[in-house]
C-alpha atoms as a PDB file:
ATOM      1  CA  MET A   1      41.934  -0.923 -16.167  1.00  0.00           C
ATOM      2  CA  LYS A   2      43.539   2.338 -17.217  1.00  0.00           C
ATOM      3  CA  ALA A   3      47.269   2.958 -16.915  1.00  0.00           C
ATOM      4  CA  ARG A   4      46.708   5.987 -14.694  1.00  0.00           C
ATOM      5  CA  GLU A   5      44.495   3.974 -12.320  1.00  0.00           C
ATOM      6  CA  ALA A   6      47.194   1.315 -11.993  1.00  0.00           C
ATOM      7  CA  LEU A   7      49.976   3.834 -11.422  1.00  0.00           C
ATOM      8  CA  ASP A   8      47.910   5.739  -8.872  1.00  0.00           C
ATOM      9  CA  LEU A   9      47.703   2.509  -6.862  1.00  0.00           C
ATOM     10  CA  LEU A  10      51.438   1.923  -7.221  1.00  0.00           C
ATOM     11  CA  ALA A  11      52.189   5.485  -6.160  1.00  0.00           C
ATOM     12  CA  ALA A  12      50.144   5.039  -2.987  1.00  0.00           C
ATOM     13  CA  GLN A  13      52.292   2.009  -2.032  1.00  0.00           C
ATOM     14  CA  ARG A  14      55.669   3.397  -3.110  1.00  0.00           C
ATOM     15  CA  GLY A  15      57.059   4.219   0.308  1.00  0.00           C
ATOM     16  CA  ASP A  16      60.807   4.822   0.003  1.00  0.00           C
ATOM     17  CA  ALA A  17      61.261   2.867  -3.227  1.00  0.00           C
ATOM     18  CA  VAL A  18      63.582   4.293  -5.875  1.00  0.00           C
ATOM     19  CA  VAL A  19      61.627   4.362  -9.159  1.00  0.00           C
ATOM     20  CA  VAL A  20      62.922   4.061 -12.738  1.00  0.00           C
ATOM     21  CA  CYS A  21      60.463   4.601 -15.606  1.00  0.00           C
ATOM     22  CA  ALA A  22      60.686   3.435 -19.199  1.00  0.00           C
ATOM     23  CA  LEU A  23      60.498   6.198 -21.770  1.00  0.00           C
ATOM     24  CA  GLY A  24      57.169   7.268 -23.241  1.00  0.00           C
ATOM     25  CA  MET A  25      53.837   6.308 -21.750  1.00  0.00           C
ATOM     26  CA  ALA A  26      55.198   4.708 -18.553  1.00  0.00           C
ATOM     27  CA  ALA A  27      57.284   7.759 -17.678  1.00  0.00           C
ATOM     28  CA  ASN A  28      54.583  10.236 -18.640  1.00  0.00           C
ATOM     29  CA  GLU A  29      51.889   8.471 -16.612  1.00  0.00           C
ATOM     30  CA  TRP A  30      54.130   8.152 -13.536  1.00  0.00           C
ATOM     31  CA  TRP A  31      54.962  11.849 -13.733  1.00  0.00           C
ATOM     32  CA  ALA A  32      51.267  12.717 -14.115  1.00  0.00           C
ATOM     33  CA  ALA A  33      50.370  10.549 -11.119  1.00  0.00           C
ATOM     34  CA  THR A  34      53.188  11.669  -8.807  1.00  0.00           C
ATOM     35  CA  ARG A  35      55.049  14.753 -10.091  1.00  0.00           C
ATOM     36  CA  SER A  36      57.987  12.852  -8.617  1.00  0.00           C
ATOM     37  CA  GLU A  37      61.278  14.653  -9.220  1.00  0.00           C
ATOM     38  CA  ASP A  38      63.257  11.897  -7.485  1.00  0.00           C
ATOM     39  CA  ALA A  39      62.343   9.196 -10.014  1.00  0.00           C
ATOM     40  CA  PHE A  40      64.500   8.485 -13.069  1.00  0.00           C
ATOM     41  CA  TYR A  41      62.687   8.905 -16.383  1.00  0.00           C
ATOM     42  CA  MET A  42      64.443   7.093 -19.212  1.00  0.00           C
ATOM     43  CA  HIS A  43      64.954   9.188 -22.352  1.00  0.00           C
ATOM     44  CA  GLY A  44      66.325   8.066 -25.687  1.00  0.00           C
ATOM     45  CA  ALA A  45      67.131   4.497 -24.631  1.00  0.00           C
ATOM     46  CA  MET A  46      64.114   2.310 -25.268  1.00  0.00           C
ATOM     47  CA  GLY A  47      64.417  -1.031 -23.518  1.00  0.00           C
ATOM     48  CA  PHE A  48      67.056  -0.106 -20.954  1.00  0.00           C
ATOM     49  CA  ALA A  49      64.987   1.011 -17.969  1.00  0.00           C
ATOM     50  CA  ALA A  50      65.024  -2.539 -16.586  1.00  0.00           C
ATOM     51  CA  SER A  51      68.802  -2.858 -16.910  1.00  0.00           C
ATOM     52  CA  PHE A  52      69.309   0.553 -15.286  1.00  0.00           C
ATOM     53  CA  ALA A  53      67.002  -0.434 -12.409  1.00  0.00           C
ATOM     54  CA  LEU A  54      68.784  -3.761 -11.966  1.00  0.00           C
ATOM     55  CA  GLY A  55      72.120  -1.980 -11.599  1.00  0.00           C
ATOM     56  CA  LEU A  56      70.598   0.319  -8.992  1.00  0.00           C
ATOM     57  CA  ALA A  57      69.050  -2.584  -7.102  1.00  0.00           C
ATOM     58  CA  LEU A  58      72.401  -4.342  -6.918  1.00  0.00           C
ATOM     59  CA  SER A  59      74.222  -1.191  -5.784  1.00  0.00           C
ATOM     60  CA  ILE A  60      71.711  -0.231  -3.053  1.00  0.00           C
ATOM     61  CA  PRO A  61      70.505  -3.661  -1.863  1.00  0.00           C
ATOM     62  CA  ARG A  62      68.758  -2.383   1.284  1.00  0.00           C
ATOM     63  CA  THR A  63      66.576   0.053  -0.674  1.00  0.00           C
ATOM     64  CA  PRO A  64      63.513  -1.052  -2.677  1.00  0.00           C
ATOM     65  CA  VAL A  65      63.923  -0.402  -6.407  1.00  0.00           C
ATOM     66  CA  TRP A  66      60.981  -0.394  -8.807  1.00  0.00           C
ATOM     67  CA  VAL A  67      61.045  -0.285 -12.569  1.00  0.00           C
ATOM     68  CA  ILE A  68      57.872   0.905 -14.309  1.00  0.00           C
ATOM     69  CA  ASN A  69      58.385  -0.683 -17.710  1.00  0.00           C
ATOM     70  CA  ALA A  70      56.131  -0.938 -20.760  1.00  0.00           C
ATOM     71  CA  ASP A  71      55.426  -3.854 -23.067  1.00  0.00           C
ATOM     72  CA  GLY A  72      57.181  -2.220 -26.017  1.00  0.00           C
ATOM     73  CA  SER A  73      60.260  -1.406 -23.949  1.00  0.00           C
ATOM     74  CA  LEU A  74      60.357  -4.895 -22.453  1.00  0.00           C
ATOM     75  CA  CYS A  75      60.272  -6.456 -25.915  1.00  0.00           C
ATOM     76  CA  MET A  76      63.254  -4.313 -26.941  1.00  0.00           C
ATOM     77  CA  ASN A  77      65.339  -5.997 -24.222  1.00  0.00           C
ATOM     78  CA  LEU A  78      63.864  -9.337 -23.195  1.00  0.00           C
ATOM     79  CA  GLY A  79      67.341 -10.442 -22.191  1.00  0.00           C
ATOM     80  CA  CYS A  80      67.006  -8.239 -19.116  1.00  0.00           C
ATOM     81  CA  LEU A  81      64.842 -10.973 -17.596  1.00  0.00           C
ATOM     82  CA  LEU A  82      67.671 -13.497 -17.793  1.00  0.00           C
ATOM     83  CA  THR A  83      70.009 -11.093 -16.017  1.00  0.00           C
ATOM     84  CA  GLU A  84      67.406 -10.250 -13.359  1.00  0.00           C
ATOM     85  CA  ALA A  85      66.864 -13.935 -12.687  1.00  0.00           C
ATOM     86  CA  GLY A  86      70.603 -14.619 -12.553  1.00  0.00           C
ATOM     87  CA  GLN A  87      71.319 -11.748 -10.153  1.00  0.00           C
ATOM     88  CA  ALA A  88      68.081 -12.267  -8.174  1.00  0.00           C
ATOM     89  CA  PRO A  89      68.039  -8.946  -6.286  1.00  0.00           C
ATOM     90  CA  ALA A  90      65.614  -9.256  -3.387  1.00  0.00           C
ATOM     91  CA  ASN A  91      64.821  -5.527  -3.502  1.00  0.00           C
ATOM     92  CA  LEU A  92      63.716  -5.346  -7.174  1.00  0.00           C
ATOM     93  CA  ARG A  93      60.097  -5.025  -8.332  1.00  0.00           C
ATOM     94  CA  HIS A  94      59.565  -5.064 -12.113  1.00  0.00           C
ATOM     95  CA  PHE A  95      56.184  -3.727 -13.282  1.00  0.00           C
ATOM     96  CA  VAL A  96      55.227  -3.897 -16.965  1.00  0.00           C
ATOM     97  CA  VAL A  97      52.379  -1.701 -18.219  1.00  0.00           C
ATOM     98  CA  ASP A  98      50.952  -3.852 -21.012  1.00  0.00           C
ATOM     99  CA  ASN A  99      48.559  -1.955 -23.280  1.00  0.00           C
ATOM    100  CA  GLY A 100      49.255  -3.969 -26.429  1.00  0.00           C
ATOM    101  CA  VAL A 101      50.411  -0.945 -28.446  1.00  0.00           C
ATOM    102  CA  TYR A 102      53.334   1.380 -28.977  1.00  0.00           C
ATOM    103  CA  GLN A 103      51.255   4.196 -27.565  1.00  0.00           C
ATOM    104  CA  THR A 104      53.694   7.104 -27.753  1.00  0.00           C
ATOM    105  CA  VAL A 105      54.150   6.758 -31.518  1.00  0.00           C
ATOM    106  CA  GLY A 106      50.470   6.646 -32.381  1.00  0.00           C
ATOM    107  CA  ALA A 107      49.094   3.524 -30.681  1.00  0.00           C
ATOM    108  CA  VAL A 108      50.635   1.222 -33.300  1.00  0.00           C
ATOM    109  CA  PRO A 109      49.700  -2.357 -32.331  1.00  0.00           C
ATOM    110  CA  MET A 110      52.389  -4.589 -30.859  1.00  0.00           C
ATOM    111  CA  VAL A 111      53.266  -7.319 -33.341  1.00  0.00           C
ATOM    112  CA  ASN A 112      52.404  -9.990 -30.772  1.00  0.00           C
ATOM    113  CA  ARG A 113      49.347  -8.322 -29.236  1.00  0.00           C
ATOM    114  CA  GLY A 114      47.137 -10.868 -27.506  1.00  0.00           C
ATOM    115  CA  GLN A 115      49.628 -13.699 -27.973  1.00  0.00           C
ATOM    116  CA  ALA A 116      52.611 -13.142 -25.694  1.00  0.00           C
ATOM    117  CA  ASP A 117      52.417 -14.007 -22.002  1.00  0.00           C
ATOM    118  CA  TYR A 118      55.094 -11.818 -20.426  1.00  0.00           C
ATOM    119  CA  ALA A 119      54.669 -13.319 -16.963  1.00  0.00           C
ATOM    120  CA  ALA A 120      55.242 -16.801 -18.421  1.00  0.00           C
ATOM    121  CA  ILE A 121      58.341 -15.511 -20.229  1.00  0.00           C
ATOM    122  CA  ALA A 122      59.661 -14.102 -16.935  1.00  0.00           C
ATOM    123  CA  ARG A 123      59.066 -17.401 -15.143  1.00  0.00           C
ATOM    124  CA  ALA A 124      60.775 -19.303 -17.955  1.00  0.00           C
ATOM    125  CA  ALA A 125      63.743 -16.920 -17.628  1.00  0.00           C
ATOM    126  CA  GLY A 126      64.027 -17.935 -13.966  1.00  0.00           C
ATOM    127  CA  ILE A 127      62.049 -15.288 -12.077  1.00  0.00           C
ATOM    128  CA  PRO A 128      59.881 -17.425  -9.759  1.00  0.00           C
ATOM    129  CA  VAL A 129      57.321 -14.783  -8.756  1.00  0.00           C
ATOM    130  CA  ALA A 130      55.596 -13.467 -11.876  1.00  0.00           C
ATOM    131  CA  ARG A 131      51.940 -12.616 -12.361  1.00  0.00           C
ATOM    132  CA  THR A 132      49.511 -10.774 -14.625  1.00  0.00           C
ATOM    133  CA  ILE A 133      46.915  -8.409 -13.160  1.00  0.00           C
ATOM    134  CA  ASP A 134      43.871  -7.268 -15.139  1.00  0.00           C
ATOM    135  CA  SER A 135      41.883  -5.012 -12.798  1.00  0.00           C
ATOM    136  CA  THR A 136      42.319  -2.319 -10.182  1.00  0.00           C
ATOM    137  CA  ALA A 137      40.556  -4.470  -7.604  1.00  0.00           C
ATOM    138  CA  GLU A 138      43.006  -7.310  -8.186  1.00  0.00           C
ATOM    139  CA  LEU A 139      45.971  -4.922  -8.117  1.00  0.00           C
ATOM    140  CA  ALA A 140      44.817  -3.349  -4.842  1.00  0.00           C
ATOM    141  CA  ARG A 141      44.451  -6.816  -3.354  1.00  0.00           C
ATOM    142  CA  GLU A 142      47.828  -8.152  -4.564  1.00  0.00           C
ATOM    143  CA  LEU A 143      50.001  -5.055  -4.203  1.00  0.00           C
ATOM    144  CA  PRO A 144      50.876  -5.381  -0.493  1.00  0.00           C
ATOM    145  CA  ALA A 145      52.305  -8.867  -1.094  1.00  0.00           C
ATOM    146  CA  ILE A 146      54.138  -7.665  -4.226  1.00  0.00           C
ATOM    147  CA  VAL A 147      55.772  -4.843  -2.297  1.00  0.00           C
ATOM    148  CA  GLU A 148      56.522  -6.662   0.946  1.00  0.00           C
ATOM    149  CA  GLY A 149      57.599 -10.115  -0.245  1.00  0.00           C
ATOM    150  CA  PRO A 150      61.127 -11.063  -1.317  1.00  0.00           C
ATOM    151  CA  GLY A 151      62.130 -10.242  -4.863  1.00  0.00           C
ATOM    152  CA  PRO A 152      62.740 -10.205  -7.637  1.00  0.00           C
ATOM    153  CA  VAL A 153      59.046  -9.891  -8.452  1.00  0.00           C
ATOM    154  CA  PHE A 154      57.667  -9.406 -11.968  1.00  0.00           C
ATOM    155  CA  THR A 155      54.145  -8.030 -12.431  1.00  0.00           C
ATOM    156  CA  VAL A 156      52.315  -7.372 -15.687  1.00  0.00           C
ATOM    157  CA  LEU A 157      49.648  -4.675 -15.434  1.00  0.00           C
ATOM    158  CA  ARG A 158      47.250  -5.266 -18.310  1.00  0.00           C
ATOM    159  CA  VAL A 159      45.678  -1.918 -19.230  1.00  0.00           C
ATOM    160  CA  ALA A 160      43.548  -0.547 -22.053  1.00  0.00           C
ATOM    161  CA  PRO A 161      45.311   1.441 -24.785  1.00  0.00           C
ATOM    162  CA  GLU A 162      44.486   5.121 -24.627  1.00  0.00           C
ATOM    163  CA  THR A 163      43.014   6.917 -27.618  1.00  0.00           C
ATOM    164  CA  GLY A 164      44.590  10.213 -26.563  1.00  0.00           C
ATOM    165  CA  PHE A 165      48.052   8.707 -26.623  1.00  0.00           C
ATOM    166  CA  LEU A 166      49.796  12.090 -26.379  1.00  0.00           C
ATOM    167  CA  GLY A 167      47.308  13.565 -23.930  1.00  0.00           C
ATOM    168  CA  THR A 168      49.472  12.942 -20.866  1.00  0.00           C
ATOM    169  CA  PRO A 169      52.173  15.611 -20.764  1.00  0.00           C
ATOM    170  CA  PRO A 170      55.723  14.479 -20.004  1.00  0.00           C
ATOM    171  CA  MET A 171      57.870  15.789 -17.185  1.00  0.00           C
ATOM    172  CA  THR A 172      59.334  19.224 -17.825  1.00  0.00           C
ATOM    173  CA  PHE A 173      62.994  18.207 -17.594  1.00  0.00           C
ATOM    174  CA  GLU A 174      65.284  15.682 -19.244  1.00  0.00           C
ATOM    175  CA  GLY A 175      68.895  14.819 -19.944  1.00  0.00           C
ATOM    176  CA  ALA A 176      71.507  16.354 -17.679  1.00  0.00           C
ATOM    177  CA  GLU A 177      68.959  18.039 -15.411  1.00  0.00           C
ATOM    178  CA  MET A 178      67.254  14.690 -14.756  1.00  0.00           C
ATOM    179  CA  LYS A 179      70.599  13.031 -14.047  1.00  0.00           C
ATOM    180  CA  TYR A 180      71.485  15.608 -11.412  1.00  0.00           C
ATOM    181  CA  ARG A 181      68.027  15.752  -9.829  1.00  0.00           C
ATOM    182  CA  PHE A 182      67.962  11.978  -9.511  1.00  0.00           C
ATOM    183  CA  GLY A 183      71.539  11.645  -8.272  1.00  0.00           C
ATOM    184  CA  ARG A 184      71.150  14.409  -5.697  1.00  0.00           C
ATOM    185  CA  ALA A 185      67.885  12.867  -4.489  1.00  0.00           C
ATOM    186  CA  LEU A 186      69.731   9.569  -3.913  1.00  0.00           C
ATOM    187  CA  GLU A 187      72.556  11.349  -2.110  1.00  0.00           C
ATOM    188  CA  LYS A 188      70.086  13.095   0.186  1.00  0.00           C
ATOM    189  CA  SER A 189      67.732  10.187   0.887  1.00  0.00           C
ATOM    190  CA  LEU A 190      70.325   7.407   1.194  1.00  0.00           C
ATOM    191  CA  GLY A 191      73.305   9.359   2.539  1.00  0.00           C
ATOM    192  CA  ILE A 192      75.544   8.068  -0.259  1.00  0.00           C
ATOM    193  CA  LYS A 193      77.961   9.709  -2.679  1.00  0.00           C
ATOM    194  CA  VAL A 194      76.804   9.685  -6.303  1.00  0.00           C
ATOM    195  CA  PHE A 195      78.807  12.501  -7.862  1.00  0.00           C
ATOM    196  CA  GLY A 196      82.551  13.060  -7.651  1.00  0.00           C
ATOM    197  CA  PRO A 197      84.373  16.322  -6.901  1.00  0.00           C
ATOM    198  CA  GLN A 198      83.887  17.516 -10.492  1.00  0.00           C
ATOM    199  CA  GLY A 199      80.133  17.020 -10.184  1.00  0.00           C
ATOM    200  CA  TYR A 200      79.752  13.920 -12.342  1.00  0.00           C
END
């Protein structure tokens, strides 16, 4: 399946989930699918989307939190799976878009392409519900259970690498603007205080 097809299906099931996207392809495809200004798009910190999402999930335990990760970003921080398993947040859904390449930097092949089983790694780390999905039909069938069941849940979305790896334009904001858009969206939707009196 294509990354955009998979993320279109996720977007349709999002509901009120707070979404964190890994930098590069995952963030760009989520933006293209949703134009969501209340998601957090990781910039300049490859590998840390999962850790950021875990912190959110622990701080807002009654709100679903999704991380849209990528295989390259996951491999930069495999230790995140140990922490997820140890903390076991019931509201966390961890999706990994696995295209077997570092797409944003020219579709350079992953060093372990075709060998690593990320779902098996997640289970070995202690996350009991971990699966790999290879088609849109399978994803459409499994997604309700992924979203509704208790977490943490780890799902690998196996997609084809794209030849036009820079063809999906990124969101039109980053850095401080993204921080404030995201924080204010949380304040409005959850009725919580994110920023202090000085605005940070």
